[in-house]
Amino acid sequence: AFLWQYDQAEKTLRTALAKAAHSRIFFAAGLAY
């Protein structure tokens, strides 16, 4: 995202967010949201 690769960033973050929420890694989930 910081490098303006928004489509790839969205895909990466959505996938990781689901895993973070499932694994209860809340700080990382907050960054992703």
Full PDB file with SEQRES, HELIX, SHEET, SSBOND, CRYST1, ORIGX, SCALE, CONECT and MASTER records, all heavy atoms in Angstrom:
SEQRES   1 A   33  ALA PHE LEU TRP GLN TYR ASP GLN ALA GLU LYS THR LEU          
SEQRES   2 A   33  ARG THR ALA LEU ALA LYS ALA ALA HIS SER ARG ILE PHE          
SEQRES   3 A   33  PHE ALA ALA GLY LEU ALA TYR                                  
HELIX    1 AA1 TYR A    6  SER A   23  1                                  18    
HELIX    2 AA2 PHE A   26  ALA A   32  1                                   7    
CRYST1    1.000    1.000    1.000  90.00  90.00  90.00 P 1           1          
ORIGX1      1.000000  0.000000  0.000000        0.00000                         
ORIGX2      0.000000  1.000000  0.000000        0.00000                         
ORIGX3      0.000000  0.000000  1.000000        0.00000                         
SCALE1      1.000000  0.000000  0.000000        0.00000                         
SCALE2      0.000000  1.000000  0.000000        0.00000                         
SCALE3      0.000000  0.000000  1.000000        0.00000                         
ATOM      1  N   ALA A   1       0.834  -1.213   0.000  1.00  0.00           N  
ATOM      2  CA  ALA A   1       0.000   0.000   0.000  1.00  0.00           C  
ATOM      3  C   ALA A   1       0.862   1.254   0.000  1.00  0.00           C  
ATOM      4  O   ALA A   1       0.582   2.202  -0.737  1.00  0.00           O  
ATOM      5  CB  ALA A   1      -0.930  -0.005   1.209  1.00  0.00           C  
ATOM      6  N   PHE A   2       1.905   1.265   0.806  1.00  0.00           N  
ATOM      7  CA  PHE A   2       2.779   2.437   0.876  1.00  0.00           C  
ATOM      8  C   PHE A   2       3.510   2.672  -0.443  1.00  0.00           C  
ATOM      9  O   PHE A   2       3.947   3.782  -0.728  1.00  0.00           O  
ATOM     10  CB  PHE A   2       3.786   2.309   2.013  1.00  0.00           C  
ATOM     11  CG  PHE A   2       3.175   2.311   3.387  1.00  0.00           C  
ATOM     12  CD1 PHE A   2       3.943   1.964   4.483  1.00  0.00           C  
ATOM     13  CD2 PHE A   2       1.851   2.642   3.611  1.00  0.00           C  
ATOM     14  CE1 PHE A   2       3.403   1.963   5.765  1.00  0.00           C  
ATOM     15  CE2 PHE A   2       1.298   2.635   4.885  1.00  0.00           C  
ATOM     16  CZ  PHE A   2       2.075   2.297   5.963  1.00  0.00           C  
ATOM     17  N   LEU A   3       3.653   1.606  -1.239  1.00  0.00           N  
ATOM     18  CA  LEU A   3       4.289   1.714  -2.553  1.00  0.00           C  
ATOM     19  C   LEU A   3       3.253   1.855  -3.669  1.00  0.00           C  
ATOM     20  O   LEU A   3       3.564   1.674  -4.839  1.00  0.00           O  
ATOM     21  CB  LEU A   3       5.191   0.498  -2.794  1.00  0.00           C  
ATOM     22  CG  LEU A   3       6.391   0.393  -1.858  1.00  0.00           C  
ATOM     23  CD1 LEU A   3       7.076  -0.963  -1.988  1.00  0.00           C  
ATOM     24  CD2 LEU A   3       7.369   1.527  -2.116  1.00  0.00           C  
ATOM     25  N   TRP A   4       2.015   2.159  -3.311  1.00  0.00           N  
ATOM     26  CA  TRP A   4       0.901   2.438  -4.227  1.00  0.00           C  
ATOM     27  C   TRP A   4       0.465   1.226  -5.037  1.00  0.00           C  
ATOM     28  O   TRP A   4      -0.148   1.366  -6.082  1.00  0.00           O  
ATOM     29  CB  TRP A   4       1.219   3.610  -5.147  1.00  0.00           C  
ATOM     30  CG  TRP A   4       1.545   4.887  -4.446  1.00  0.00           C  
ATOM     31  CD1 TRP A   4       1.358   5.186  -3.122  1.00  0.00           C  
ATOM     32  CD2 TRP A   4       2.107   6.049  -5.014  1.00  0.00           C  
ATOM     33  NE1 TRP A   4       1.768   6.463  -2.844  1.00  0.00           N  
ATOM     34  CE2 TRP A   4       2.242   7.020  -3.998  1.00  0.00           C  
ATOM     35  CE3 TRP A   4       2.515   6.385  -6.302  1.00  0.00           C  
ATOM     36  CZ2 TRP A   4       2.757   8.287  -4.214  1.00  0.00           C  
ATOM     37  CZ3 TRP A   4       3.033   7.646  -6.518  1.00  0.00           C  
ATOM     38  CH2 TRP A   4       3.143   8.579  -5.494  1.00  0.00           C  
ATOM     39  N   GLN A   5       0.736   0.050  -4.554  1.00  0.00           N  
ATOM     40  CA  GLN A   5       0.284  -1.181  -5.209  1.00  0.00           C  
ATOM     41  C   GLN A   5      -1.037  -1.592  -4.548  1.00  0.00           C  
ATOM     42  O   GLN A   5      -1.139  -2.618  -3.894  1.00  0.00           O  
ATOM     43  CB  GLN A   5       1.344  -2.272  -5.068  1.00  0.00           C  
ATOM     44  CG  GLN A   5       2.665  -1.908  -5.684  1.00  0.00           C  
ATOM     45  CD  GLN A   5       3.778  -2.880  -5.311  1.00  0.00           C  
ATOM     46  OE1 GLN A   5       3.562  -3.890  -4.655  1.00  0.00           O  
ATOM     47  NE2 GLN A   5       4.986  -2.558  -5.738  1.00  0.00           N  
ATOM     48  N   TYR A   6      -2.057  -0.766  -4.738  1.00  0.00           N  
ATOM     49  CA  TYR A   6      -3.281  -0.894  -3.965  1.00  0.00           C  
ATOM     50  C   TYR A   6      -4.048  -2.188  -4.204  1.00  0.00           C  
ATOM     51  O   TYR A   6      -4.568  -2.785  -3.258  1.00  0.00           O  
ATOM     52  CB  TYR A   6      -4.196   0.309  -4.202  1.00  0.00           C  
ATOM     53  CG  TYR A   6      -3.574   1.606  -3.767  1.00  0.00           C  
ATOM     54  CD1 TYR A   6      -3.446   2.669  -4.650  1.00  0.00           C  
ATOM     55  CD2 TYR A   6      -3.089   1.769  -2.470  1.00  0.00           C  
ATOM     56  CE1 TYR A   6      -2.866   3.859  -4.258  1.00  0.00           C  
ATOM     57  CE2 TYR A   6      -2.499   2.957  -2.075  1.00  0.00           C  
ATOM     58  CZ  TYR A   6      -2.398   4.000  -2.965  1.00  0.00           C  
ATOM     59  OH  TYR A   6      -1.823   5.171  -2.581  1.00  0.00           O  
ATOM     60  N   ASP A   7      -4.139  -2.647  -5.447  1.00  0.00           N  
ATOM     61  CA  ASP A   7      -4.878  -3.878  -5.715  1.00  0.00           C  
ATOM     62  C   ASP A   7      -4.216  -5.073  -5.035  1.00  0.00           C  
ATOM     63  O   ASP A   7      -4.887  -5.896  -4.413  1.00  0.00           O  
ATOM     64  CB  ASP A   7      -5.004  -4.122  -7.222  1.00  0.00           C  
ATOM     65  CG  ASP A   7      -5.909  -3.105  -7.901  1.00  0.00           C  
ATOM     66  OD1 ASP A   7      -6.803  -2.561  -7.217  1.00  0.00           O  
ATOM     67  OD2 ASP A   7      -5.718  -2.853  -9.100  1.00  0.00           O  
ATOM     68  N   GLN A   8      -2.884  -5.153  -5.144  1.00  0.00           N  
ATOM     69  CA  GLN A   8      -2.169  -6.248  -4.497  1.00  0.00           C  
ATOM     70  C   GLN A   8      -2.249  -6.119  -2.982  1.00  0.00           C  
ATOM     71  O   GLN A   8      -2.427  -7.105  -2.271  1.00  0.00           O  
ATOM     72  CB  GLN A   8      -0.707  -6.291  -4.955  1.00  0.00           C  
ATOM     73  CG  GLN A   8       0.066  -7.461  -4.379  1.00  0.00           C  
ATOM     74  CD  GLN A   8      -0.532  -8.803  -4.741  1.00  0.00           C  
ATOM     75  OE1 GLN A   8      -0.954  -9.034  -5.870  1.00  0.00           O  
ATOM     76  NE2 GLN A   8      -0.600  -9.702  -3.767  1.00  0.00           N  
ATOM     77  N   ALA A   9      -2.122  -4.910  -2.475  1.00  0.00           N  
ATOM     78  CA  ALA A   9      -2.204  -4.685  -1.027  1.00  0.00           C  
ATOM     79  C   ALA A   9      -3.566  -5.100  -0.491  1.00  0.00           C  
ATOM     80  O   ALA A   9      -3.662  -5.745   0.561  1.00  0.00           O  
ATOM     81  CB  ALA A   9      -1.938  -3.213  -0.706  1.00  0.00           C  
ATOM     82  N   GLU A  10      -4.615  -4.747  -1.215  1.00  0.00           N  
ATOM     83  CA  GLU A  10      -5.972  -5.129  -0.782  1.00  0.00           C  
ATOM     84  C   GLU A  10      -6.097  -6.644  -0.691  1.00  0.00           C  
ATOM     85  O   GLU A  10      -6.603  -7.179   0.296  1.00  0.00           O  
ATOM     86  CB  GLU A  10      -7.000  -4.567  -1.763  1.00  0.00           C  
ATOM     87  CG  GLU A  10      -8.424  -4.901  -1.395  1.00  0.00           C  
ATOM     88  CD  GLU A  10      -9.434  -4.378  -2.405  1.00  0.00           C  
ATOM     89  OE1 GLU A  10      -9.062  -3.613  -3.319  1.00  0.00           O  
ATOM     90  OE2 GLU A  10     -10.609  -4.753  -2.277  1.00  0.00           O  
ATOM     91  N   LYS A  11      -5.611  -7.328  -1.698  1.00  0.00           N  
ATOM     92  CA  LYS A  11      -5.672  -8.799  -1.709  1.00  0.00           C  
ATOM     93  C   LYS A  11      -4.871  -9.386  -0.539  1.00  0.00           C  
ATOM     94  O   LYS A  11      -5.359 -10.249   0.195  1.00  0.00           O  
ATOM     95  CB  LYS A  11      -5.129  -9.313  -3.043  1.00  0.00           C  
ATOM     96  CG  LYS A  11      -5.147 -10.795  -3.189  1.00  0.00           C  
ATOM     97  CD  LYS A  11      -4.574 -11.214  -4.544  1.00  0.00           C  
ATOM     98  CE  LYS A  11      -4.422 -12.711  -4.624  1.00  0.00           C  
ATOM     99  NZ  LYS A  11      -3.732 -13.123  -5.842  1.00  0.00           N  
ATOM    100  N   THR A  12      -3.655  -8.909  -0.366  1.00  0.00           N  
ATOM    101  CA  THR A  12      -2.793  -9.405   0.707  1.00  0.00           C  
ATOM    102  C   THR A  12      -3.418  -9.156   2.078  1.00  0.00           C  
ATOM    103  O   THR A  12      -3.473 -10.048   2.927  1.00  0.00           O  
ATOM    104  CB  THR A  12      -1.407  -8.733   0.639  1.00  0.00           C  
ATOM    105  OG1 THR A  12      -0.816  -9.016  -0.635  1.00  0.00           O  
ATOM    106  CG2 THR A  12      -0.487  -9.221   1.744  1.00  0.00           C  
ATOM    107  N   LEU A  13      -3.909  -7.934   2.279  1.00  0.00           N  
ATOM    108  CA  LEU A  13      -4.456  -7.566   3.588  1.00  0.00           C  
ATOM    109  C   LEU A  13      -5.754  -8.303   3.889  1.00  0.00           C  
ATOM    110  O   LEU A  13      -5.982  -8.719   5.037  1.00  0.00           O  
ATOM    111  CB  LEU A  13      -4.654  -6.058   3.679  1.00  0.00           C  
ATOM    112  CG  LEU A  13      -3.366  -5.251   3.764  1.00  0.00           C  
ATOM    113  CD1 LEU A  13      -3.646  -3.766   3.556  1.00  0.00           C  
ATOM    114  CD2 LEU A  13      -2.658  -5.490   5.097  1.00  0.00           C  
ATOM    115  N   ARG A  14      -6.624  -8.470   2.909  1.00  0.00           N  
ATOM    116  CA  ARG A  14      -7.880  -9.188   3.160  1.00  0.00           C  
ATOM    117  C   ARG A  14      -7.613 -10.631   3.552  1.00  0.00           C  
ATOM    118  O   ARG A  14      -8.241 -11.153   4.470  1.00  0.00           O  
ATOM    119  CB  ARG A  14      -8.794  -9.099   1.941  1.00  0.00           C  
ATOM    120  CG  ARG A  14      -9.424  -7.722   1.841  1.00  0.00           C  
ATOM    121  CD  ARG A  14     -10.342  -7.522   0.686  1.00  0.00           C  
ATOM    122  NE  ARG A  14     -11.069  -8.684   0.264  1.00  0.00           N  
ATOM    123  CZ  ARG A  14     -11.733  -8.750  -0.869  1.00  0.00           C  
ATOM    124  NH1 ARG A  14     -11.768  -7.724  -1.672  1.00  0.00           N  
ATOM    125  NH2 ARG A  14     -12.382  -9.836  -1.208  1.00  0.00           N  
ATOM    126  N   THR A  15      -6.685 -11.280   2.858  1.00  0.00           N  
ATOM    127  CA  THR A  15      -6.340 -12.668   3.191  1.00  0.00           C  
ATOM    128  C   THR A  15      -5.723 -12.750   4.585  1.00  0.00           C  
ATOM    129  O   THR A  15      -6.109 -13.590   5.398  1.00  0.00           O  
ATOM    130  CB  THR A  15      -5.357 -13.235   2.146  1.00  0.00           C  
ATOM    131  OG1 THR A  15      -5.959 -13.148   0.865  1.00  0.00           O  
ATOM    132  CG2 THR A  15      -4.993 -14.669   2.457  1.00  0.00           C  
ATOM    133  N   ALA A  16      -4.776 -11.872   4.871  1.00  0.00           N  
ATOM    134  CA  ALA A  16      -4.092 -11.889   6.168  1.00  0.00           C  
ATOM    135  C   ALA A  16      -5.032 -11.487   7.300  1.00  0.00           C  
ATOM    136  O   ALA A  16      -4.925 -12.017   8.414  1.00  0.00           O  
ATOM    137  CB  ALA A  16      -2.878 -10.973   6.140  1.00  0.00           C  
ATOM    138  N   LEU A  17      -5.957 -10.581   7.032  1.00  0.00           N  
ATOM    139  CA  LEU A  17      -6.901 -10.147   8.061  1.00  0.00           C  
ATOM    140  C   LEU A  17      -7.766 -11.297   8.530  1.00  0.00           C  
ATOM    141  O   LEU A  17      -7.978 -11.469   9.733  1.00  0.00           O  
ATOM    142  CB  LEU A  17      -7.767  -8.993   7.544  1.00  0.00           C  
ATOM    143  CG  LEU A  17      -8.838  -8.474   8.488  1.00  0.00           C  
ATOM    144  CD1 LEU A  17      -8.240  -8.001   9.802  1.00  0.00           C  
ATOM    145  CD2 LEU A  17      -9.612  -7.343   7.824  1.00  0.00           C  
ATOM    146  N   ALA A  18      -8.238 -12.097   7.605  1.00  0.00           N  
ATOM    147  CA  ALA A  18      -9.056 -13.256   7.985  1.00  0.00           C  
ATOM    148  C   ALA A  18      -8.260 -14.207   8.874  1.00  0.00           C  
ATOM    149  O   ALA A  18      -8.771 -14.710   9.879  1.00  0.00           O  
ATOM    150  CB  ALA A  18      -9.556 -13.969   6.732  1.00  0.00           C  
ATOM    151  N   LYS A  19      -7.006 -14.425   8.522  1.00  0.00           N  
ATOM    152  CA  LYS A  19      -6.157 -15.318   9.323  1.00  0.00           C  
ATOM    153  C   LYS A  19      -5.833 -14.698  10.677  1.00  0.00           C  
ATOM    154  O   LYS A  19      -5.790 -15.398  11.692  1.00  0.00           O  
ATOM    155  CB  LYS A  19      -4.869 -15.639   8.557  1.00  0.00           C  
ATOM    156  CG  LYS A  19      -5.109 -16.497   7.344  1.00  0.00           C  
ATOM    157  CD  LYS A  19      -3.831 -16.726   6.560  1.00  0.00           C  
ATOM    158  CE  LYS A  19      -4.119 -17.532   5.308  1.00  0.00           C  
ATOM    159  NZ  LYS A  19      -2.940 -17.696   4.463  1.00  0.00           N  
ATOM    160  N   ALA A  20      -5.602 -13.396  10.708  1.00  0.00           N  
ATOM    161  CA  ALA A  20      -5.288 -12.722  11.976  1.00  0.00           C  
ATOM    162  C   ALA A  20      -6.481 -12.787  12.920  1.00  0.00           C  
ATOM    163  O   ALA A  20      -6.323 -13.063  14.119  1.00  0.00           O  
ATOM    164  CB  ALA A  20      -4.890 -11.268  11.719  1.00  0.00           C  
ATOM    165  N   ALA A  21      -7.669 -12.549  12.404  1.00  0.00           N  
ATOM    166  CA  ALA A  21      -8.865 -12.611  13.243  1.00  0.00           C  
ATOM    167  C   ALA A  21      -9.079 -14.025  13.762  1.00  0.00           C  
ATOM    168  O   ALA A  21      -9.375 -14.215  14.946  1.00  0.00           O  
ATOM    169  CB  ALA A  21     -10.082 -12.132  12.453  1.00  0.00           C  
ATOM    170  N   HIS A  22      -8.899 -15.012  12.889  1.00  0.00           N  
ATOM    171  CA  HIS A  22      -9.061 -16.416  13.296  1.00  0.00           C  
ATOM    172  C   HIS A  22      -8.029 -16.815  14.347  1.00  0.00           C  
ATOM    173  O   HIS A  22      -8.336 -17.552  15.285  1.00  0.00           O  
ATOM    174  CB  HIS A  22      -8.951 -17.335  12.077  1.00  0.00           C  
ATOM    175  CG  HIS A  22      -9.080 -18.784  12.405  1.00  0.00           C  
ATOM    176  ND1 HIS A  22     -10.285 -19.353  12.752  1.00  0.00           N  
ATOM    177  CD2 HIS A  22      -8.158 -19.771  12.464  1.00  0.00           C  
ATOM    178  CE1 HIS A  22     -10.092 -20.638  13.011  1.00  0.00           C  
ATOM    179  NE2 HIS A  22      -8.811 -20.919  12.840  1.00  0.00           N  
ATOM    180  N   SER A  23      -6.810 -16.314  14.209  1.00  0.00           N  
ATOM    181  CA  SER A  23      -5.723 -16.651  15.138  1.00  0.00           C  
ATOM    182  C   SER A  23      -5.674 -15.725  16.352  1.00  0.00           C  
ATOM    183  O   SER A  23      -4.788 -15.852  17.187  1.00  0.00           O  
ATOM    184  CB  SER A  23      -4.379 -16.606  14.414  1.00  0.00           C  
ATOM    185  OG  SER A  23      -4.358 -17.522  13.362  1.00  0.00           O  
ATOM    186  N   ARG A  24      -6.588 -14.768  16.393  1.00  0.00           N  
ATOM    187  CA  ARG A  24      -6.693 -13.838  17.511  1.00  0.00           C  
ATOM    188  C   ARG A  24      -5.439 -12.976  17.662  1.00  0.00           C  
ATOM    189  O   ARG A  24      -4.964 -12.729  18.752  1.00  0.00           O  
ATOM    190  CB  ARG A  24      -7.053 -14.571  18.795  1.00  0.00           C  
ATOM    191  CG  ARG A  24      -8.340 -15.380  18.651  1.00  0.00           C  
ATOM    192  CD  ARG A  24      -8.730 -16.163  19.880  1.00  0.00           C  
ATOM    193  NE  ARG A  24      -8.949 -15.332  21.042  1.00  0.00           N  
ATOM    194  CZ  ARG A  24     -10.072 -14.673  21.347  1.00  0.00           C  
ATOM    195  NH1 ARG A  24     -11.093 -14.732  20.527  1.00  0.00           N  
ATOM    196  NH2 ARG A  24     -10.172 -13.958  22.436  1.00  0.00           N  
ATOM    197  N   ILE A  25      -4.897 -12.536  16.543  1.00  0.00           N  
ATOM    198  CA  ILE A  25      -3.746 -11.632  16.521  1.00  0.00           C  
ATOM    199  C   ILE A  25      -4.320 -10.239  16.274  1.00  0.00           C  
ATOM    200  O   ILE A  25      -4.371  -9.754  15.154  1.00  0.00           O  
ATOM    201  CB  ILE A  25      -2.721 -12.054  15.451  1.00  0.00           C  
ATOM    202  CG1 ILE A  25      -2.277 -13.496  15.680  1.00  0.00           C  
ATOM    203  CG2 ILE A  25      -1.522 -11.115  15.459  1.00  0.00           C  
ATOM    204  CD1 ILE A  25      -1.418 -14.068  14.581  1.00  0.00           C  
ATOM    205  N   PHE A  26      -4.769  -9.621  17.347  1.00  0.00           N  
ATOM    206  CA  PHE A  26      -5.613  -8.440  17.233  1.00  0.00           C  
ATOM    207  C   PHE A  26      -4.854  -7.177  16.835  1.00  0.00           C  
ATOM    208  O   PHE A  26      -5.381  -6.356  16.099  1.00  0.00           O  
ATOM    209  CB  PHE A  26      -6.389  -8.217  18.523  1.00  0.00           C  
ATOM    210  CG  PHE A  26      -7.304  -9.362  18.845  1.00  0.00           C  
ATOM    211  CD1 PHE A  26      -7.146 -10.094  20.009  1.00  0.00           C  
ATOM    212  CD2 PHE A  26      -8.311  -9.722  17.968  1.00  0.00           C  
ATOM    213  CE1 PHE A  26      -7.990 -11.148  20.301  1.00  0.00           C  
ATOM    214  CE2 PHE A  26      -9.161 -10.773  18.242  1.00  0.00           C  
ATOM    215  CZ  PHE A  26      -9.001 -11.493  19.421  1.00  0.00           C  
ATOM    216  N   PHE A  27      -3.635  -6.990  17.293  1.00  0.00           N  
ATOM    217  CA  PHE A  27      -2.886  -5.789  16.913  1.00  0.00           C  
ATOM    218  C   PHE A  27      -2.677  -5.758  15.404  1.00  0.00           C  
ATOM    219  O   PHE A  27      -2.908  -4.747  14.749  1.00  0.00           O  
ATOM    220  CB  PHE A  27      -1.541  -5.712  17.643  1.00  0.00           C  
ATOM    221  CG  PHE A  27      -0.739  -4.501  17.254  1.00  0.00           C  
ATOM    222  CD1 PHE A  27      -1.071  -3.247  17.754  1.00  0.00           C  
ATOM    223  CD2 PHE A  27       0.329  -4.593  16.381  1.00  0.00           C  
ATOM    224  CE1 PHE A  27      -0.350  -2.113  17.385  1.00  0.00           C  
ATOM    225  CE2 PHE A  27       1.058  -3.474  16.004  1.00  0.00           C  
ATOM    226  CZ  PHE A  27       0.713  -2.229  16.513  1.00  0.00           C  
ATOM    227  N   ALA A  28      -2.271  -6.888  14.848  1.00  0.00           N  
ATOM    228  CA  ALA A  28      -2.053  -6.978  13.403  1.00  0.00           C  
ATOM    229  C   ALA A  28      -3.373  -6.795  12.650  1.00  0.00           C  
ATOM    230  O   ALA A  28      -3.408  -6.141  11.605  1.00  0.00           O  
ATOM    231  CB  ALA A  28      -1.416  -8.315  13.049  1.00  0.00           C  
ATOM    232  N   ALA A  29      -4.446  -7.348  13.188  1.00  0.00           N  
ATOM    233  CA  ALA A  29      -5.761  -7.179  12.557  1.00  0.00           C  
ATOM    234  C   ALA A  29      -6.151  -5.707  12.536  1.00  0.00           C  
ATOM    235  O   ALA A  29      -6.693  -5.213  11.539  1.00  0.00           O  
ATOM    236  CB  ALA A  29      -6.814  -8.010  13.288  1.00  0.00           C  
ATOM    237  N   GLY A  30      -5.860  -4.984  13.611  1.00  0.00           N  
ATOM    238  CA  GLY A  30      -6.159  -3.559  13.657  1.00  0.00           C  
ATOM    239  C   GLY A  30      -5.402  -2.790  12.592  1.00  0.00           C  
ATOM    240  O   GLY A  30      -5.963  -1.898  11.939  1.00  0.00           O  
ATOM    241  N   LEU A  31      -4.133  -3.133  12.393  1.00  0.00           N  
ATOM    242  CA  LEU A  31      -3.350  -2.493  11.326  1.00  0.00           C  
ATOM    243  C   LEU A  31      -3.961  -2.787   9.956  1.00  0.00           C  
ATOM    244  O   LEU A  31      -4.041  -1.906   9.096  1.00  0.00           O  
ATOM    245  CB  LEU A  31      -1.900  -2.992  11.349  1.00  0.00           C  
ATOM    246  CG  LEU A  31      -1.018  -2.548  12.511  1.00  0.00           C  
ATOM    247  CD1 LEU A  31       0.317  -3.288  12.473  1.00  0.00           C  
ATOM    248  CD2 LEU A  31      -0.792  -1.051  12.459  1.00  0.00           C  
ATOM    249  N   ALA A  32      -4.385  -4.034   9.766  1.00  0.00           N  
ATOM    250  CA  ALA A  32      -4.955  -4.427   8.475  1.00  0.00           C  
ATOM    251  C   ALA A  32      -6.280  -3.711   8.215  1.00  0.00           C  
ATOM    252  O   ALA A  32      -6.515  -3.229   7.099  1.00  0.00           O  
ATOM    253  CB  ALA A  32      -5.151  -5.943   8.428  1.00  0.00           C  
ATOM    254  N   TYR A  33      -7.158  -3.638   9.222  1.00  0.00           N  
ATOM    255  CA  TYR A  33      -8.421  -2.917   9.040  1.00  0.00           C  
ATOM    256  C   TYR A  33      -8.158  -1.467   8.635  1.00  0.00           C  
ATOM    257  O   TYR A  33      -8.792  -0.944   7.723  1.00  0.00           O  
ATOM    258  CB  TYR A  33      -9.244  -2.920  10.333  1.00  0.00           C  
ATOM    259  CG  TYR A  33     -10.131  -4.121  10.516  1.00  0.00           C  
ATOM    260  CD1 TYR A  33      -9.991  -4.943  11.627  1.00  0.00           C  
ATOM    261  CD2 TYR A  33     -11.140  -4.433   9.604  1.00  0.00           C  
ATOM    262  CE1 TYR A  33     -10.815  -6.038  11.816  1.00  0.00           C  
ATOM    263  CE2 TYR A  33     -11.963  -5.526   9.784  1.00  0.00           C  
ATOM    264  CZ  TYR A  33     -11.801  -6.328  10.893  1.00  0.00           C  
ATOM    265  OH  TYR A  33     -12.621  -7.411  11.071  1.00  0.00           O  
TER     266      TYR A  33                                                      
MASTER        0    0    0    2    0    0    0    6  265    1    0    3          
END                                                                             
